[in-house]
Amino acid sequence: MQTYEQELQQVKSFLLEHDDYLVVSHVQPDGDAVSSTLAVGWLLSCLGKKFTMINEGPIPKRMNMLWHAGDIINGSEEPPDRMFTHVICVDCADFARVGNVRTLFAEDATIVNIDHHPTNDRYGSVNLVLPQAAATAEILYDLLNACGITWDAEIAAAVYTGLLTDTGGFRYTNTSPKVMSIASELLGHGVNGPELAEILLEEMTLPQMKVLVEALNTLRVSEDGKIAWVHITPDHMERCGAASEDLEGIVNYPRNIQGVEVGILFKLLKSGIVKVSLRSAGKVDVAALAQGFGGGGHVRAAGCSLEGPLEDVIPRVVEQVRLRL
C-alpha cells in the first residue's frame, strides 16, 4: 500500500494530467462535505481546469457565504445532461454515499476518492484516504499545499469550515495539534473564526428550534441510563416546516445526557427508510455497529439506513448498542 505522501503526489499528478472533472460529496452534505467540494473546485480553478461541482441534493443554506457555494448543482433539480469520465469524490466513506449522482459517471470513469473515514473501502481508481485526519478538509489542506497554491481568505474560510464543523468547534477528540496548527494558519490568512462559529455552530432557524422540541419530546433512555434516543417523523418535519439540514446536531442532545454512552437519532423518511445517526462517548465503536447495518463512519460518530417501521428499527439498533456495552 502507498504511503500518504505517495497518494498525495498521485492525486496531484492526476489533477494536472486530466481535465473536465465532476466533484461530488456525500448525500445530505455537512460542513466538511461542502468545504471539501469547494476546496477541490478552487484548486481546479487555480490549475486552469474545467470542473462541475454537484451533490444529490441542496447544500445547507448557512454555507452559502462560502466561495462559489452557489455553484454546487442540486442534482435532484438540474443534473447535467452528460456523463463524466473524471470524477472526484470527497468525504464519501463508500461509493453508495455519492447517491444518485453516480448515474453521471461514465462506465469507464476514473474515480479519485479523497476521504478520512476509517470505514472507507478505497473504492476509487485513485485513493487519498487518511483515517486519522479530523476532516477531509484537513487532507485537502495538504493537497492544496502539495500543489503549491497561494492561499487567500476565501479558500482558507472554506477549509476552516470543514475543520470547525467536523471537530465540533475544536472540542471533539479528533482535535489534534495539527488541526489547531492549520486553524491558526488559516486565521492568519484572514478567516473570521468567530463569525463562522456563530453562523455554523450557534445560530438556529425557527424550524430548527421547533423540530428540536419535537425530537426531545420523544426522548427515551435505557434502564441503565447508558443509551438515549429520539426520533423524527415526516409529520414532525411538515409540522415544523423543517428541512433535513435542520436535524444536524440533534443527535448530540441524547448523547450529552450525563451517564449516556451512546445517543441515537432515528429519522423516518416518507419512503419508509429509517436513517440512524449514532454518537458515542467512546466505549462503543459506533462505526463498527453501523457497518453491521450497511453503514459506516467514525468510532464516535456514524450512521446507517434501515428498512422497516420505527417500532421495529429502534429496538433492533438499541439492542445492538446494548450488546456492545
Protein backbone atom coordinates (compact mmCIF):
# COMPACT_ATOMS: atom_id res chain seq x y z
CA MET A 1 0.00 0.00 0.00
CA GLN A 2 1.22 3.51 -0.82
CA THR A 3 2.17 6.00 1.85
CA TYR A 4 0.07 9.10 2.41
CA GLU A 5 2.71 11.27 0.72
CA GLN A 6 2.72 8.96 -2.30
CA GLU A 7 -1.07 9.14 -2.50
CA LEU A 8 -0.89 12.95 -2.35
CA GLN A 9 1.53 13.01 -5.26
CA GLN A 10 -0.58 10.54 -7.25
CA VAL A 11 -3.68 12.71 -6.87
CA LYS A 12 -1.67 15.83 -7.74
CA SER A 13 -0.40 14.14 -10.93
CA PHE A 14 -3.90 13.02 -11.85
CA LEU A 15 -5.30 16.54 -11.47
CA LEU A 16 -2.51 18.01 -13.59
CA GLU A 17 -2.75 15.40 -16.35
CA HIS A 18 -6.50 15.49 -16.98
CA ASP A 19 -9.36 17.98 -17.34
CA ASP A 20 -13.16 18.31 -17.12
CA TYR A 21 -13.85 16.96 -13.62
CA LEU A 22 -17.03 16.17 -11.72
CA VAL A 23 -16.63 16.93 -7.99
CA VAL A 24 -19.16 15.28 -5.68
CA SER A 25 -19.60 14.80 -1.94
CA HIS A 26 -21.93 12.61 0.12
CA VAL A 27 -25.71 12.86 0.27
CA GLN A 28 -27.09 15.33 2.82
CA PRO A 29 -23.79 17.22 2.88
CA ASP A 30 -22.40 18.63 6.12
CA GLY A 31 -19.77 21.32 6.61
CA ASP A 32 -16.85 19.07 5.75
CA ALA A 33 -18.52 17.74 2.59
CA VAL A 34 -19.32 21.24 1.32
CA SER A 35 -15.95 22.71 2.25
CA SER A 36 -14.09 19.82 0.64
CA THR A 37 -16.11 20.15 -2.56
CA LEU A 38 -15.28 23.85 -2.71
CA ALA A 39 -11.61 23.29 -1.88
CA VAL A 40 -11.27 20.88 -4.80
CA GLY A 41 -13.15 23.28 -7.06
CA TRP A 42 -10.93 26.15 -6.01
CA LEU A 43 -7.80 24.06 -6.63
CA LEU A 44 -9.02 23.05 -10.09
CA SER A 45 -9.77 26.68 -10.93
CA CYS A 46 -6.23 27.63 -9.88
CA LEU A 47 -4.90 24.89 -12.16
CA GLY A 48 -6.95 26.21 -15.07
CA LYS A 49 -9.13 23.10 -15.23
CA LYS A 50 -12.78 22.75 -16.22
CA PHE A 51 -14.97 21.30 -13.46
CA THR A 52 -18.53 20.81 -12.27
CA MET A 53 -19.48 20.65 -8.58
CA ILE A 54 -22.62 18.69 -7.67
CA ASN A 55 -24.47 17.00 -4.83
CA GLU A 56 -27.52 14.75 -4.88
CA GLY A 57 -29.49 17.42 -3.03
CA PRO A 58 -29.18 21.00 -1.78
CA ILE A 59 -26.36 22.19 0.43
CA PRO A 60 -27.19 23.76 3.82
CA LYS A 61 -28.22 27.40 3.36
CA ARG A 62 -25.92 28.61 6.13
CA MET A 63 -22.94 27.67 3.94
CA ASN A 64 -23.98 29.87 1.03
CA MET A 65 -21.45 32.51 2.13
CA LEU A 66 -18.52 30.27 1.20
CA TRP A 67 -16.60 30.65 -2.07
CA HIS A 68 -18.83 29.67 -5.04
CA ALA A 69 -21.11 27.56 -2.82
CA GLY A 70 -23.97 28.61 -5.08
CA ASP A 71 -22.24 26.85 -7.96
CA ILE A 72 -22.73 23.41 -6.39
CA ILE A 73 -25.51 21.93 -8.52
CA ASN A 74 -28.51 20.34 -6.81
CA GLY A 75 -28.59 17.06 -8.71
CA SER A 76 -32.21 16.40 -7.80
CA GLU A 77 -33.30 19.56 -9.64
CA GLU A 78 -30.90 20.23 -12.52
CA PRO A 79 -28.50 17.38 -13.22
CA PRO A 80 -26.10 17.90 -16.15
CA ASP A 81 -27.25 16.22 -19.35
CA ARG A 82 -23.95 14.41 -19.92
CA MET A 83 -21.57 11.82 -18.48
CA PHE A 84 -18.18 12.39 -16.81
CA THR A 85 -15.05 10.28 -17.15
CA HIS A 86 -13.02 12.06 -14.43
CA VAL A 87 -14.73 12.07 -11.04
CA ILE A 88 -13.50 13.33 -7.66
CA CYS A 89 -15.44 12.07 -4.63
CA VAL A 90 -14.80 13.88 -1.35
CA ASP A 91 -15.85 12.86 2.18
CA CYS A 92 -17.69 9.75 0.90
CA ALA A 93 -16.95 6.77 3.15
CA ASP A 94 -18.17 4.38 0.46
CA PHE A 95 -19.38 4.59 -3.13
CA ALA A 96 -23.06 4.43 -2.17
CA ARG A 97 -22.70 7.72 -0.30
CA VAL A 98 -22.49 9.68 -3.57
CA GLY A 99 -26.18 8.88 -4.11
CA ASN A 100 -27.93 9.24 -7.44
CA VAL A 101 -25.15 11.44 -8.81
CA ARG A 102 -23.38 8.19 -9.71
CA THR A 103 -25.66 7.99 -12.77
CA LEU A 104 -23.49 10.76 -14.23
CA PHE A 105 -20.34 8.62 -14.04
CA ALA A 106 -19.28 7.08 -17.34
CA GLU A 107 -18.76 3.32 -17.35
CA ASP A 108 -15.03 3.83 -17.78
CA ALA A 109 -14.84 6.73 -15.32
CA THR A 110 -11.69 7.17 -13.25
CA ILE A 111 -12.69 7.96 -9.65
CA VAL A 112 -10.48 9.84 -7.20
CA ASN A 113 -11.53 9.01 -3.64
CA ILE A 114 -10.50 11.62 -1.04
CA ASP A 115 -11.72 10.85 2.46
CA HIS A 116 -10.95 10.50 6.18
CA HIS A 117 -13.46 7.87 7.34
CA PRO A 118 -11.92 4.73 8.91
CA THR A 119 -14.61 2.63 7.21
CA ASN A 120 -13.64 3.86 3.72
CA ASP A 121 -13.22 0.82 1.47
CA ARG A 122 -10.88 2.57 -1.00
CA TYR A 123 -13.36 2.30 -3.87
CA GLY A 124 -11.52 4.76 -6.10
CA SER A 125 -9.22 4.20 -9.02
CA VAL A 126 -7.01 6.66 -7.15
CA ASN A 127 -7.32 6.89 -3.36
CA LEU A 128 -6.23 9.56 -0.90
CA VAL A 129 -7.52 8.30 2.45
CA LEU A 130 -6.21 9.30 5.87
CA PRO A 131 -8.38 7.89 8.70
CA GLN A 132 -6.50 9.82 11.39
CA ALA A 133 -7.40 13.16 9.76
CA ALA A 134 -10.04 15.10 11.67
CA ALA A 135 -11.83 16.04 8.46
CA THR A 136 -11.49 15.60 4.71
CA ALA A 137 -10.77 19.34 4.73
CA GLU A 138 -7.53 18.54 6.59
CA ILE A 139 -6.49 16.27 3.70
CA LEU A 140 -7.43 18.99 1.21
CA TYR A 141 -5.21 21.40 3.13
CA ASP A 142 -2.30 19.03 2.47
CA LEU A 143 -3.26 18.60 -1.18
CA LEU A 144 -3.52 22.35 -1.79
CA ASN A 145 -0.06 22.82 -0.31
CA ALA A 146 1.31 19.91 -2.34
CA CYS A 147 0.05 21.68 -5.45
CA GLY A 148 1.80 24.90 -4.42
CA ILE A 149 -1.27 27.13 -4.38
CA THR A 150 -1.27 30.60 -2.84
CA TRP A 151 -3.77 30.87 0.00
CA ASP A 152 -6.31 33.66 0.34
CA ALA A 153 -9.12 34.39 2.78
CA GLU A 154 -11.83 32.75 0.66
CA ILE A 155 -10.28 29.30 0.31
CA ALA A 156 -8.99 29.49 3.87
CA ALA A 157 -12.56 30.05 5.10
CA ALA A 158 -13.77 27.01 3.16
CA VAL A 159 -11.11 24.69 4.62
CA TYR A 160 -11.59 26.18 8.10
CA THR A 161 -15.31 25.38 7.84
CA GLY A 162 -14.59 21.68 7.38
CA LEU A 163 -12.25 21.62 10.36
CA LEU A 164 -14.62 23.65 12.54
CA THR A 165 -17.69 21.52 11.89
CA ASP A 166 -16.10 18.06 11.98
CA THR A 167 -14.35 18.81 15.28
CA GLY A 168 -17.48 20.27 16.87
CA GLY A 169 -15.91 23.68 17.21
CA PHE A 170 -12.49 22.20 18.07
CA ARG A 171 -13.96 20.27 21.03
CA TYR A 172 -14.00 16.62 19.88
CA THR A 173 -11.19 14.13 20.44
CA ASN A 174 -10.14 14.45 16.79
CA THR A 175 -8.91 17.99 17.52
CA SER A 176 -5.23 17.21 17.08
CA PRO A 177 -2.22 19.53 17.35
CA LYS A 178 -2.10 19.52 13.54
CA VAL A 179 -5.73 20.68 13.36
CA MET A 180 -5.03 23.58 15.70
CA SER A 181 -1.88 24.47 13.78
CA ILE A 182 -3.81 24.51 10.49
CA ALA A 183 -6.63 26.55 12.04
CA SER A 184 -4.10 29.09 13.33
CA GLU A 185 -2.55 29.40 9.89
CA LEU A 186 -5.97 29.84 8.24
CA LEU A 187 -6.88 32.58 10.71
CA GLY A 188 -3.65 34.25 9.64
CA HIS A 189 -4.92 34.18 6.04
CA GLY A 190 -7.91 36.30 7.08
CA VAL A 191 -10.54 33.82 8.24
CA ASN A 192 -13.12 35.35 10.60
CA GLY A 193 -13.30 32.48 13.09
CA PRO A 194 -15.90 33.94 15.47
CA GLU A 195 -18.25 34.78 12.59
CA LEU A 196 -18.02 31.28 11.11
CA ALA A 197 -18.58 29.71 14.55
CA GLU A 198 -21.67 31.86 15.08
CA ILE A 199 -23.17 31.03 11.67
CA LEU A 200 -22.24 27.35 11.55
CA LEU A 201 -22.50 26.24 15.18
CA GLU A 202 -24.63 28.69 17.14
CA GLU A 203 -27.41 30.19 15.01
CA MET A 204 -30.67 28.24 14.72
CA THR A 205 -33.61 28.83 12.42
CA LEU A 206 -37.10 28.79 13.89
CA PRO A 207 -37.97 25.49 12.12
CA GLN A 208 -34.74 24.04 13.52
CA MET A 209 -35.75 25.03 17.04
CA LYS A 210 -39.25 23.65 16.57
CA VAL A 211 -38.08 20.28 15.27
CA LEU A 212 -35.62 20.05 18.17
CA VAL A 213 -38.55 20.43 20.56
CA GLU A 214 -40.44 17.69 18.72
CA ALA A 215 -37.42 15.39 18.89
CA LEU A 216 -36.83 15.97 22.60
CA ASN A 217 -40.48 15.16 23.28
CA THR A 218 -39.72 11.62 22.01
CA LEU A 219 -36.67 11.16 24.26
CA ARG A 220 -36.22 7.69 25.72
CA VAL A 221 -33.43 6.40 27.97
CA SER A 222 -32.48 2.77 28.64
CA GLU A 223 -32.96 1.37 32.12
CA ASP A 224 -29.24 1.54 32.88
CA GLY A 225 -29.05 5.12 31.62
CA LYS A 226 -26.35 4.36 29.08
CA ILE A 227 -28.36 4.62 25.84
CA ALA A 228 -30.64 7.51 24.91
CA TRP A 229 -32.52 8.12 21.69
CA VAL A 230 -35.01 10.39 19.95
CA HIS A 231 -36.90 10.09 16.69
CA ILE A 232 -38.33 12.32 13.99
CA THR A 233 -41.14 11.51 11.55
CA PRO A 234 -42.33 13.16 8.33
CA ASP A 235 -45.25 14.60 10.34
CA HIS A 236 -42.80 16.33 12.67
CA MET A 237 -40.88 17.76 9.71
CA GLU A 238 -44.02 19.02 7.99
CA ARG A 239 -45.49 20.49 11.15
CA CYS A 240 -42.26 22.42 11.83
CA GLY A 241 -41.57 23.41 8.23
CA ALA A 242 -38.16 21.81 8.70
CA ALA A 243 -35.62 20.60 6.14
CA SER A 244 -33.07 17.81 6.53
CA GLU A 245 -30.33 20.31 7.39
CA ASP A 246 -32.41 21.39 10.44
CA LEU A 247 -31.75 17.99 12.05
CA GLU A 248 -28.00 18.48 12.23
CA GLY A 249 -26.78 18.34 15.81
CA ILE A 250 -29.98 16.92 17.32
CA VAL A 251 -28.32 13.54 17.94
CA ASN A 252 -25.93 15.26 20.35
CA TYR A 253 -28.73 16.06 22.80
CA PRO A 254 -29.42 12.46 23.91
CA ARG A 255 -25.68 11.77 23.79
CA ASN A 256 -24.95 14.75 26.09
CA ILE A 257 -27.07 13.40 28.95
CA GLN A 258 -24.85 12.60 31.93
CA GLY A 259 -24.03 8.88 32.04
CA VAL A 260 -25.13 8.18 28.45
CA GLU A 261 -22.60 6.25 26.37
CA VAL A 262 -24.47 6.24 23.05
CA GLY A 263 -27.00 8.75 21.72
CA ILE A 264 -29.16 7.94 18.70
CA LEU A 265 -31.40 9.86 16.30
CA PHE A 266 -33.88 7.86 14.24
CA LYS A 267 -35.30 9.75 11.26
CA LEU A 268 -38.19 8.13 9.42
CA LEU A 269 -38.36 9.15 5.77
CA LYS A 270 -41.50 9.27 3.64
CA SER A 271 -40.08 6.32 1.69
CA GLY A 272 -40.24 4.17 4.82
CA ILE A 273 -36.46 4.13 5.25
CA VAL A 274 -35.15 4.97 8.72
CA LYS A 275 -31.90 6.92 8.80
CA VAL A 276 -29.96 6.27 12.02
CA SER A 277 -27.34 8.66 13.43
CA LEU A 278 -25.16 7.39 16.28
CA ARG A 279 -22.85 9.24 18.66
CA SER A 280 -20.60 7.55 21.20
CA ALA A 281 -18.81 8.75 24.31
CA GLY A 282 -16.02 6.35 23.40
CA LYS A 283 -16.79 2.95 24.90
CA VAL A 284 -18.76 1.79 21.86
CA ASP A 285 -17.33 1.82 18.33
CA VAL A 286 -20.44 3.04 16.53
CA ALA A 287 -18.69 2.81 13.15
CA ALA A 288 -18.42 -0.97 13.58
CA LEU A 289 -22.03 -1.09 14.72
CA ALA A 290 -23.20 0.94 11.73
CA GLN A 291 -21.20 -1.26 9.36
CA GLY A 292 -23.22 -4.21 10.63
CA PHE A 293 -26.27 -2.44 9.23
CA GLY A 294 -24.61 -1.45 5.95
CA GLY A 295 -23.46 1.98 7.11
CA GLY A 296 -20.20 3.40 8.42
CA GLY A 297 -18.42 6.42 9.82
CA HIS A 298 -16.13 7.03 12.78
CA VAL A 299 -15.64 5.38 16.17
CA ARG A 300 -17.61 8.15 17.87
CA ALA A 301 -19.92 9.27 15.06
CA ALA A 302 -21.54 7.03 12.47
CA GLY A 303 -24.77 6.31 10.63
CA CYS A 304 -26.75 3.79 8.63
CA SER A 305 -30.14 3.30 6.99
CA LEU A 306 -32.62 0.52 7.67
CA GLU A 307 -35.93 -0.51 6.18
CA GLY A 308 -38.97 -1.01 8.39
CA PRO A 309 -41.25 0.83 10.79
CA LEU A 310 -39.76 2.79 13.67
CA GLU A 311 -41.23 0.37 16.22
CA ASP A 312 -39.11 -2.41 14.67
CA VAL A 313 -35.94 -0.48 13.81
CA ILE A 314 -35.49 1.27 17.17
CA PRO A 315 -35.33 -1.90 19.32
CA ARG A 316 -33.05 -3.61 16.76
CA VAL A 317 -30.48 -0.83 16.92
CA VAL A 318 -30.78 -0.24 20.66
CA GLU A 319 -30.25 -3.96 21.30
CA GLN A 320 -27.04 -3.94 19.24
CA VAL A 321 -25.79 -0.98 21.24
CA ARG A 322 -26.68 -2.77 24.48
CA LEU A 323 -24.73 -5.86 23.40
CA ARG A 324 -21.64 -3.74 22.70
CA LEU A 325 -21.85 -2.12 26.11
